[in-house]
Structure formats: C-alpha cells, structure tokens
PDB file of N, CA and C in Angstrom:
ATOM      1  N   LEU A   1      19.995  70.763  84.675  1.00  0.00           N
ATOM      2  CA  LEU A   1      19.409  70.094  83.528  1.00  0.00           C
ATOM      3  C   LEU A   1      18.564  68.889  83.946  1.00  0.00           C
ATOM      4  N   GLU A   2      18.917  68.268  85.061  1.00  0.00           N
ATOM      5  CA  GLU A   2      18.126  67.154  85.536  1.00  0.00           C
ATOM      6  C   GLU A   2      16.707  67.599  85.914  1.00  0.00           C
ATOM      7  N   SER A   3      16.605  68.781  86.511  1.00  0.00           N
ATOM      8  CA  SER A   3      15.283  69.294  86.893  1.00  0.00           C
ATOM      9  C   SER A   3      14.422  69.558  85.657  1.00  0.00           C
ATOM     10  N   VAL A   4      15.037  70.150  84.638  1.00  0.00           N
ATOM     11  CA  VAL A   4      14.301  70.427  83.408  1.00  0.00           C
ATOM     12  C   VAL A   4      13.887  69.113  82.751  1.00  0.00           C
ATOM     13  N   ASN A   5      14.751  68.144  82.718  1.00  0.00           N
ATOM     14  CA  ASN A   5      14.423  66.838  82.157  1.00  0.00           C
ATOM     15  C   ASN A   5      13.269  66.217  82.923  1.00  0.00           C
ATOM     16  N   HIS A   6      13.286  66.299  84.251  1.00  0.00           N
ATOM     17  CA  HIS A   6      12.205  65.762  85.084  1.00  0.00           C
ATOM     18  C   HIS A   6      10.880  66.461  84.721  1.00  0.00           C
ATOM     19  N   CYS A   7      10.913  67.766  84.605  1.00  0.00           N
ATOM     20  CA  CYS A   7       9.700  68.507  84.217  1.00  0.00           C
ATOM     21  C   CYS A   7       9.178  68.039  82.875  1.00  0.00           C
ATOM     22  N   HIS A   8      10.074  67.955  81.895  1.00  0.00           N
ATOM     23  CA  HIS A   8       9.660  67.550  80.559  1.00  0.00           C
ATOM     24  C   HIS A   8       9.112  66.125  80.518  1.00  0.00           C
ATOM     25  N   GLN A   9       9.718  65.222  81.276  1.00  0.00           N
ATOM     26  CA  GLN A   9       9.208  63.836  81.316  1.00  0.00           C
ATOM     27  C   GLN A   9       7.802  63.783  81.936  1.00  0.00           C
ATOM     28  N   ASN A  10       7.462  64.795  82.707  1.00  0.00           N
ATOM     29  CA  ASN A  10       6.144  64.858  83.336  1.00  0.00           C
ATOM     30  C   ASN A  10       5.222  65.847  82.657  1.00  0.00           C
ATOM     31  N   GLY A  11       5.577  66.263  81.426  1.00  0.00           N
ATOM     32  CA  GLY A  11       4.705  67.091  80.631  1.00  0.00           C
ATOM     33  C   GLY A  11       4.623  68.542  81.056  1.00  0.00           C
ATOM     34  N   VAL A  12       5.666  69.068  81.703  1.00  0.00           N
ATOM     35  CA  VAL A  12       5.679  70.455  82.168  1.00  0.00           C
ATOM     36  C   VAL A  12       6.753  71.225  81.423  1.00  0.00           C
ATOM     37  N   VAL A  13       6.375  72.373  80.874  1.00  0.00           N
ATOM     38  CA  VAL A  13       7.320  73.310  80.253  1.00  0.00           C
ATOM     39  C   VAL A  13       7.390  74.521  81.176  1.00  0.00           C
ATOM     40  N   HIS A  14       8.563  74.840  81.680  1.00  0.00           N
ATOM     41  CA  HIS A  14       8.743  75.912  82.664  1.00  0.00           C
ATOM     42  C   HIS A  14       8.473  77.283  82.067  1.00  0.00           C
ATOM     43  N   ARG A  15       9.045  77.590  80.932  1.00  0.00           N
ATOM     44  CA  ARG A  15       8.874  78.813  80.148  1.00  0.00           C
ATOM     45  C   ARG A  15       9.553  80.059  80.740  1.00  0.00           C
ATOM     46  N   ASP A  16      10.199  79.948  81.882  1.00  0.00           N
ATOM     47  CA  ASP A  16      10.878  81.139  82.439  1.00  0.00           C
ATOM     48  C   ASP A  16      12.183  80.756  83.120  1.00  0.00           C
ATOM     49  N   LEU A  17      12.954  79.906  82.456  1.00  0.00           N
ATOM     50  CA  LEU A  17      14.232  79.519  83.026  1.00  0.00           C
ATOM     51  C   LEU A  17      15.222  80.679  82.892  1.00  0.00           C
ATOM     52  N   LYS A  18      15.863  80.986  84.003  1.00  0.00           N
ATOM     53  CA  LYS A  18      16.876  82.065  84.089  1.00  0.00           C
ATOM     54  C   LYS A  18      17.637  81.843  85.391  1.00  0.00           C
ATOM     55  N   PRO A  19      18.816  82.423  85.520  1.00  0.00           N
ATOM     56  CA  PRO A  19      19.598  82.211  86.742  1.00  0.00           C
ATOM     57  C   PRO A  19      18.845  82.525  88.040  1.00  0.00           C
ATOM     58  N   GLU A  20      17.988  83.540  88.012  1.00  0.00           N
ATOM     59  CA  GLU A  20      17.252  83.903  89.220  1.00  0.00           C
ATOM     60  C   GLU A  20      16.311  82.809  89.675  1.00  0.00           C
ATOM     61  N   ASN A  21      15.947  81.879  88.779  1.00  0.00           N
ATOM     62  CA  ASN A  21      15.020  80.805  89.146  1.00  0.00           C
ATOM     63  C   ASN A  21      15.750  79.502  89.461  1.00  0.00           C
ATOM     64  N   LEU A  22      17.054  79.567  89.612  1.00  0.00           N
ATOM     65  CA  LEU A  22      17.884  78.417  90.008  1.00  0.00           C
ATOM     66  C   LEU A  22      18.406  78.697  91.404  1.00  0.00           C
ATOM     67  N   LEU A  23      18.004  77.893  92.379  1.00  0.00           N
ATOM     68  CA  LEU A  23      18.352  78.122  93.781  1.00  0.00           C
ATOM     69  C   LEU A  23      19.220  76.992  94.303  1.00  0.00           C
ATOM     70  N   LEU A  24      20.243  77.361  95.083  1.00  0.00           N
ATOM     71  CA  LEU A  24      21.071  76.352  95.731  1.00  0.00           C
ATOM     72  C   LEU A  24      20.398  75.865  97.013  1.00  0.00           C
ATOM     73  N   ALA A  25      20.376  74.550  97.219  1.00  0.00           N
ATOM     74  CA  ALA A  25      19.729  73.986  98.403  1.00  0.00           C
ATOM     75  C   ALA A  25      20.490  74.310  99.684  1.00  0.00           C
ATOM     76  N   SER A  26      21.810  74.542  99.561  1.00  0.00           N
ATOM     77  CA  SER A  26      22.619  74.926 100.720  1.00  0.00           C
ATOM     78  C   SER A  26      23.867  75.626 100.209  1.00  0.00           C
ATOM     79  N   LYS A  27      24.686  76.107 101.131  1.00  0.00           N
ATOM     80  CA  LYS A  27      25.929  76.778 100.751  1.00  0.00           C
ATOM     81  C   LYS A  27      27.089  75.827 100.627  1.00  0.00           C
ATOM     82  N   GLN A  28      26.852  74.560 100.857  1.00  0.00           N
ATOM     83  CA  GLN A  28      27.922  73.563 100.817  1.00  0.00           C
ATOM     84  C   GLN A  28      28.294  73.193  99.391  1.00  0.00           C
ATOM     85  N   LYS A  29      29.556  72.855  99.186  1.00  0.00           N
ATOM     86  CA  LYS A  29      30.030  72.423  97.878  1.00  0.00           C
ATOM     87  C   LYS A  29      29.228  71.228  97.420  1.00  0.00           C
ATOM     88  N   GLY A  30      28.826  71.238  96.166  1.00  0.00           N
ATOM     89  CA  GLY A  30      28.047  70.149  95.593  1.00  0.00           C
ATOM     90  C   GLY A  30      26.578  70.189  95.954  1.00  0.00           C
ATOM     91  N   ALA A  31      26.108  71.310  96.474  1.00  0.00           N
ATOM     92  CA  ALA A  31      24.701  71.439  96.854  1.00  0.00           C
ATOM     93  C   ALA A  31      23.794  71.245  95.628  1.00  0.00           C
ATOM     94  N   ALA A  32      22.634  70.713  95.870  1.00  0.00           N
ATOM     95  CA  ALA A  32      21.637  70.534  94.805  1.00  0.00           C
ATOM     96  C   ALA A  32      21.140  71.882  94.328  1.00  0.00           C
ATOM     97  N   VAL A  33      20.810  71.956  93.057  1.00  0.00           N
ATOM     98  CA  VAL A  33      20.209  73.149  92.483  1.00  0.00           C
ATOM     99  C   VAL A  33      18.733  72.879  92.341  1.00  0.00           C
ATOM    100  N   LYS A  34      17.918  73.769  92.887  1.00  0.00           N
ATOM    101  CA  LYS A  34      16.453  73.621  92.833  1.00  0.00           C
ATOM    102  C   LYS A  34      15.903  74.596  91.812  1.00  0.00           C
ATOM    103  N   LEU A  35      14.920  74.133  91.048  1.00  0.00           N
ATOM    104  CA  LEU A  35      14.251  74.935  90.049  1.00  0.00           C
ATOM    105  C   LEU A  35      13.045  75.595  90.700  1.00  0.00           C
ATOM    106  N   ALA A  36      12.937  76.926  90.558  1.00  0.00           N
ATOM    107  CA  ALA A  36      11.863  77.664  91.220  1.00  0.00           C
ATOM    108  C   ALA A  36      11.004  78.434  90.227  1.00  0.00           C
ATOM    109  N   ASP A  37       9.938  79.015  90.725  1.00  0.00           N
ATOM    110  CA  ASP A  37       9.025  79.905  90.011  1.00  0.00           C
ATOM    111  C   ASP A  37       8.372  79.234  88.802  1.00  0.00           C
ATOM    112  N   PHE A  38       7.354  78.450  89.096  1.00  0.00           N
ATOM    113  CA  PHE A  38       6.603  77.776  88.042  1.00  0.00           C
ATOM    114  C   PHE A  38       5.349  78.554  87.658  1.00  0.00           C
ATOM    115  N   GLY A  39       5.346  79.857  87.912  1.00  0.00           N
ATOM    116  CA  GLY A  39       4.165  80.696  87.623  1.00  0.00           C
ATOM    117  C   GLY A  39       3.772  80.750  86.163  1.00  0.00           C
ATOM    118  N   LEU A  40       4.735  80.574  85.256  1.00  0.00           N
ATOM    119  CA  LEU A  40       4.439  80.615  83.820  1.00  0.00           C
ATOM    120  C   LEU A  40       4.430  79.232  83.195  1.00  0.00           C
ATOM    121  N   ALA A  41       4.626  78.210  84.003  1.00  0.00           N
ATOM    122  CA  ALA A  41       4.715  76.833  83.490  1.00  0.00           C
ATOM    123  C   ALA A  41       3.394  76.389  82.883  1.00  0.00           C
ATOM    124  N   ILE A  42       3.491  75.504  81.900  1.00  0.00           N
ATOM    125  CA  ILE A  42       2.309  74.938  81.246  1.00  0.00           C
ATOM    126  C   ILE A  42       2.473  73.422  81.172  1.00  0.00           C
ATOM    127  N   GLU A  43       1.354  72.735  81.008  1.00  0.00           N
ATOM    128  CA  GLU A  43       1.383  71.307  80.776  1.00  0.00           C
ATOM    129  C   GLU A  43       1.205  71.038  79.296  1.00  0.00           C
ATOM    130  N   VAL A  44       1.967  70.097  78.771  1.00  0.00           N
ATOM    131  CA  VAL A  44       1.855  69.696  77.372  1.00  0.00           C
ATOM    132  C   VAL A  44       1.728  68.191  77.274  1.00  0.00           C
ATOM    133  N   GLN A  45       1.171  67.737  76.179  1.00  0.00           N
ATOM    134  CA  GLN A  45       1.043  66.297  75.930  1.00  0.00           C
ATOM    135  C   GLN A  45       2.170  65.859  74.994  1.00  0.00           C
ATOM    136  N   GLY A  46       3.039  64.994  75.455  1.00  0.00           N
ATOM    137  CA  GLY A  46       4.115  64.466  74.631  1.00  0.00           C
ATOM    138  C   GLY A  46       5.002  65.592  74.063  1.00  0.00           C
ATOM    139  N   GLU A  47       5.110  65.589  72.754  1.00  0.00           N
ATOM    140  CA  GLU A  47       5.941  66.607  72.079  1.00  0.00           C
ATOM    141  C   GLU A  47       5.069  67.711  71.482  1.00  0.00           C
ATOM    142  N   GLN A  48       3.904  67.916  72.053  1.00  0.00           N
ATOM    143  CA  GLN A  48       2.958  68.931  71.606  1.00  0.00           C
ATOM    144  C   GLN A  48       3.632  70.303  71.436  1.00  0.00           C
ATOM    145  N   GLN A  49       3.293  70.958  70.324  1.00  0.00           N
ATOM    146  CA  GLN A  49       3.742  72.305  70.108  1.00  0.00           C
ATOM    147  C   GLN A  49       2.540  73.144  69.661  1.00  0.00           C
ATOM    148  N   ALA A  50       2.404  74.306  70.209  1.00  0.00           N
ATOM    149  CA  ALA A  50       1.303  75.216  69.852  1.00  0.00           C
ATOM    150  C   ALA A  50       1.719  76.613  70.297  1.00  0.00           C
ATOM    151  N   TRP A  51       0.962  77.614  69.908  1.00  0.00           N
ATOM    152  CA  TRP A  51       1.232  78.966  70.417  1.00  0.00           C
ATOM    153  C   TRP A  51       0.516  79.056  71.755  1.00  0.00           C
ATOM    154  N   PHE A  52       1.282  79.040  72.816  1.00  0.00           N
ATOM    155  CA  PHE A  52       0.753  79.060  74.182  1.00  0.00           C
ATOM    156  C   PHE A  52       0.759  80.488  74.749  1.00  0.00           C
ATOM    157  N   GLY A  53       1.079  81.453  73.944  1.00  0.00           N
ATOM    158  CA  GLY A  53       1.158  82.835  74.408  1.00  0.00           C
ATOM    159  C   GLY A  53       2.575  83.246  74.690  1.00  0.00           C
ATOM    160  N   PHE A  54       2.759  84.547  74.728  1.00  0.00           N
ATOM    161  CA  PHE A  54       4.060  85.127  74.967  1.00  0.00           C
ATOM    162  C   PHE A  54       4.342  85.065  76.464  1.00  0.00           C
ATOM    163  N   ALA A  55       5.385  84.325  76.866  1.00  0.00           N
ATOM    164  CA  ALA A  55       5.723  84.204  78.284  1.00  0.00           C
ATOM    165  C   ALA A  55       7.219  83.983  78.445  1.00  0.00           C
ATOM    166  N   GLY A  56       7.780  84.534  79.496  1.00  0.00           N
ATOM    167  CA  GLY A  56       9.204  84.356  79.773  1.00  0.00           C
ATOM    168  C   GLY A  56       9.888  85.688  79.999  1.00  0.00           C
ATOM    169  N   THR A  57      11.198  85.625  80.131  1.00  0.00           N
ATOM    170  CA  THR A  57      12.001  86.820  80.387  1.00  0.00           C
ATOM    171  C   THR A  57      12.821  87.170  79.132  1.00  0.00           C
ATOM    172  N   PRO A  58      12.721  88.406  78.655  1.00  0.00           N
ATOM    173  CA  PRO A  58      13.539  88.786  77.497  1.00  0.00           C
ATOM    174  C   PRO A  58      15.002  88.411  77.727  1.00  0.00           C
ATOM    175  N   GLY A  59      15.646  87.983  76.696  1.00  0.00           N
ATOM    176  CA  GLY A  59      17.035  87.548  76.809  1.00  0.00           C
ATOM    177  C   GLY A  59      17.155  86.038  76.941  1.00  0.00           C
ATOM    178  N   TYR A  60      16.076  85.391  77.383  1.00  0.00           N
ATOM    179  CA  TYR A  60      16.082  83.935  77.530  1.00  0.00           C
ATOM    180  C   TYR A  60      15.022  83.292  76.637  1.00  0.00           C
ATOM    181  N   LEU A  61      14.323  84.125  75.860  1.00  0.00           N
ATOM    182  CA  LEU A  61      13.238  83.629  74.998  1.00  0.00           C
ATOM    183  C   LEU A  61      13.801  83.003  73.737  1.00  0.00           C
ATOM    184  N   SER A  62      13.198  81.891  73.329  1.00  0.00           N
ATOM    185  CA  SER A  62      13.623  81.197  72.114  1.00  0.00           C
ATOM    186  C   SER A  62      13.129  81.938  70.879  1.00  0.00           C
ATOM    187  N   PRO A  63      13.730  81.667  69.736  1.00  0.00           N
ATOM    188  CA  PRO A  63      13.268  82.301  68.482  1.00  0.00           C
ATOM    189  C   PRO A  63      11.771  82.006  68.211  1.00  0.00           C
ATOM    190  N   GLU A  64      11.321  80.799  68.548  1.00  0.00           N
ATOM    191  CA  GLU A  64       9.920  80.465  68.304  1.00  0.00           C
ATOM    192  C   GLU A  64       8.980  81.400  69.038  1.00  0.00           C
ATOM    193  N   VAL A  65       9.277  81.654  70.280  1.00  0.00           N
ATOM    194  CA  VAL A  65       8.422  82.552  71.096  1.00  0.00           C
ATOM    195  C   VAL A  65       8.471  83.944  70.529  1.00  0.00           C
ATOM    196  N   LEU A  66       9.670  84.422  70.208  1.00  0.00           N
ATOM    197  CA  LEU A  66       9.808  85.796  69.681  1.00  0.00           C
ATOM    198  C   LEU A  66       9.059  85.968  68.365  1.00  0.00           C
ATOM    199  N   LYS A  67       8.989  84.912  67.565  1.00  0.00           N
ATOM    200  CA  LYS A  67       8.291  84.970  66.272  1.00  0.00           C
ATOM    201  C   LYS A  67       6.812  84.558  66.383  1.00  0.00           C
ATOM    202  N   LYS A  68       6.357  84.317  67.608  1.00  0.00           N
ATOM    203  CA  LYS A  68       4.990  83.900  67.871  1.00  0.00           C
ATOM    204  C   LYS A  68       4.617  82.653  67.080  1.00  0.00           C
ATOM    205  N   GLU A  69       5.537  81.677  67.054  1.00  0.00           N
ATOM    206  CA  GLU A  69       5.301  80.414  66.385  1.00  0.00           C
ATOM    207  C   GLU A  69       4.977  79.336  67.424  1.00  0.00           C
ATOM    208  N   PRO A  70       4.438  78.210  66.980  1.00  0.00           N
ATOM    209  CA  PRO A  70       4.200  77.121  67.913  1.00  0.00           C
ATOM    210  C   PRO A  70       5.483  76.713  68.637  1.00  0.00           C
ATOM    211  N   TYR A  71       5.356  76.411  69.911  1.00  0.00           N
ATOM    212  CA  TYR A  71       6.517  75.994  70.682  1.00  0.00           C
ATOM    213  C   TYR A  71       6.121  74.963  71.725  1.00  0.00           C
ATOM    214  N   GLY A  72       7.123  74.376  72.346  1.00  0.00           N
ATOM    215  CA  GLY A  72       6.904  73.367  73.393  1.00  0.00           C
ATOM    216  C   GLY A  72       8.150  73.256  74.241  1.00  0.00           C
ATOM    217  N   LYS A  73       8.513  72.026  74.583  1.00  0.00           N
ATOM    218  CA  LYS A  73       9.643  71.785  75.492  1.00  0.00           C
ATOM    219  C   LYS A  73      10.970  72.417  75.029  1.00  0.00           C
ATOM    220  N   PRO A  74      11.247  72.484  73.737  1.00  0.00           N
ATOM    221  CA  PRO A  74      12.537  73.057  73.326  1.00  0.00           C
ATOM    222  C   PRO A  74      12.790  74.502  73.789  1.00  0.00           C
ATOM    223  N   VAL A  75      11.748  75.246  74.152  1.00  0.00           N
ATOM    224  CA  VAL A  75      11.998  76.598  74.638  1.00  0.00           C
ATOM    225  C   VAL A  75      12.788  76.590  75.940  1.00  0.00           C
ATOM    226  N   ASP A  76      12.585  75.555  76.750  1.00  0.00           N
ATOM    227  CA  ASP A  76      13.368  75.428  77.982  1.00  0.00           C
ATOM    228  C   ASP A  76      14.828  75.077  77.683  1.00  0.00           C
ATOM    229  N   ILE A  77      15.049  74.266  76.664  1.00  0.00           N
ATOM    230  CA  ILE A  77      16.410  73.894  76.275  1.00  0.00           C
ATOM    231  C   ILE A  77      17.160  75.125  75.796  1.00  0.00           C
ATOM    232  N   TRP A  78      16.482  75.979  75.011  1.00  0.00           N
ATOM    233  CA  TRP A  78      17.073  77.234  74.549  1.00  0.00           C
ATOM    234  C   TRP A  78      17.517  78.079  75.761  1.00  0.00           C
ATOM    235  N   ALA A  79      16.630  78.240  76.730  1.00  0.00           N
ATOM    236  CA  ALA A  79      16.946  79.036  77.903  1.00  0.00           C
ATOM    237  C   ALA A  79      18.130  78.439  78.683  1.00  0.00           C
ATOM    238  N   CYS A  80      18.192  77.102  78.757  1.00  0.00           N
ATOM    239  CA  CYS A  80      19.339  76.455  79.406  1.00  0.00           C
ATOM    240  C   CYS A  80      20.621  76.795  78.659  1.00  0.00           C
ATOM    241  N   GLY A  81      20.558  76.834  77.336  1.00  0.00           N
ATOM    242  CA  GLY A  81      21.721  77.222  76.550  1.00  0.00           C
ATOM    243  C   GLY A  81      22.175  78.631  76.856  1.00  0.00           C
ATOM    244  N   VAL A  82      21.235  79.542  77.012  1.00  0.00           N
ATOM    245  CA  VAL A  82      21.565  80.919  77.365  1.00  0.00           C
ATOM    246  C   VAL A  82      22.231  80.971  78.727  1.00  0.00           C
ATOM    247  N   ILE A  83      21.682  80.235  79.684  1.00  0.00           N
ATOM    248  CA  ILE A  83      22.264  80.196  81.045  1.00  0.00           C
ATOM    249  C   ILE A  83      23.679  79.639  81.004  1.00  0.00           C
ATOM    250  N   LEU A  84      23.883  78.559  80.268  1.00  0.00           N
ATOM    251  CA  LEU A  84      25.223  77.969  80.149  1.00  0.00           C
ATOM    252  C   LEU A  84      26.210  78.936  79.499  1.00  0.00           C
ATOM    253  N   TYR A  85      25.739  79.668  78.494  1.00  0.00           N
ATOM    254  CA  TYR A  85      26.585  80.662  77.835  1.00  0.00           C
ATOM    255  C   TYR A  85      27.041  81.708  78.844  1.00  0.00           C
ATOM    256  N   ILE A  86      26.111  82.197  79.652  1.00  0.00           N
ATOM    257  CA  ILE A  86      26.429  83.187  80.676  1.00  0.00           C
ATOM    258  C   ILE A  86      27.439  82.620  81.677  1.00  0.00           C
ATOM    259  N   LEU A  87      27.262  81.380  82.087  1.00  0.00           N
ATOM    260  CA  LEU A  87      28.193  80.751  83.015  1.00  0.00           C
ATOM    261  C   LEU A  87      29.595  80.624  82.420  1.00  0.00           C
ATOM    262  N   LEU A  88      29.661  80.396  81.119  1.00  0.00           N
ATOM    263  CA  LEU A  88      30.976  80.208  80.467  1.00  0.00           C
ATOM    264  C   LEU A  88      31.712  81.516  80.213  1.00  0.00           C
ATOM    265  N   VAL A  89      30.993  82.544  79.742  1.00  0.00           N
ATOM    266  CA  VAL A  89      31.685  83.761  79.339  1.00  0.00           C
ATOM    267  C   VAL A  89      31.425  84.946  80.256  1.00  0.00           C
ATOM    268  N   GLY A  90      30.431  84.846  81.124  1.00  0.00           N
ATOM    269  CA  GLY A  90      30.180  85.905  82.098  1.00  0.00           C
ATOM    270  C   GLY A  90      29.226  86.992  81.686  1.00  0.00           C
ATOM    271  N   TYR A  91      28.655  86.882  80.506  1.00  0.00           N
ATOM    272  CA  TYR A  91      27.681  87.874  80.038  1.00  0.00           C
ATOM    273  C   TYR A  91      26.710  87.201  79.061  1.00  0.00           C
ATOM    274  N   PRO A  92      25.537  87.773  78.869  1.00  0.00           N
ATOM    275  CA  PRO A  92      24.550  87.144  77.981  1.00  0.00           C
ATOM    276  C   PRO A  92      24.929  87.262  76.511  1.00  0.00           C
ATOM    277  N   PRO A  93      24.388  86.361  75.688  1.00  0.00           N
ATOM    278  CA  PRO A  93      24.661  86.411  74.239  1.00  0.00           C
ATOM    279  C   PRO A  93      24.040  87.634  73.594  1.00  0.00           C
TER     280      PRO A  93
END
C-alpha cells in the first residue's frame, strides 16, 4: 500500500495492480514488496477523473472501469482491496 500511496502522491495511477505485479525484494522475512509493470500506468493531475480507456486485468477492475465511467486513483484502491481479499480467503471475490 505504501508503493501505491507513493505513486498517487506523484500523480501516477498504476491501473494494473494484481499479485503478479507485486515482487519480493528478497526471500528473507520482512522483505520489501516492489511494485512492477507500469506499462498501463497513467499520469493524473490531483484528483482528476476521466475516461482514460479500458485498461487492467479482469477480476481486478473497478466498477467505474467496467461501466466505462470516469476514473482516477480509486481504481488502484479497488484492486488493492481485491488483492487483500485474496490474501485473506485464498480465492478471488
């Protein structure tokens, strides 16, 4: 979540958060998690929301993207919620 917050503070929306894009820096306990694959990332101004196009991985897409509505940083928060759900129960919602 710190990586996503850092991106958002710098005007970047990742748009493709999923477990495959979270990498461990090492195999040691407490290793840092690195955020990878910024190929679909976009820059936004402040809390800007617009239709930036359909992007991301099915299953992690927010309702706004699926409905082709304006979106922004909250799409990454939605994907984080999906990832946390998977970590808690072991399967996607």
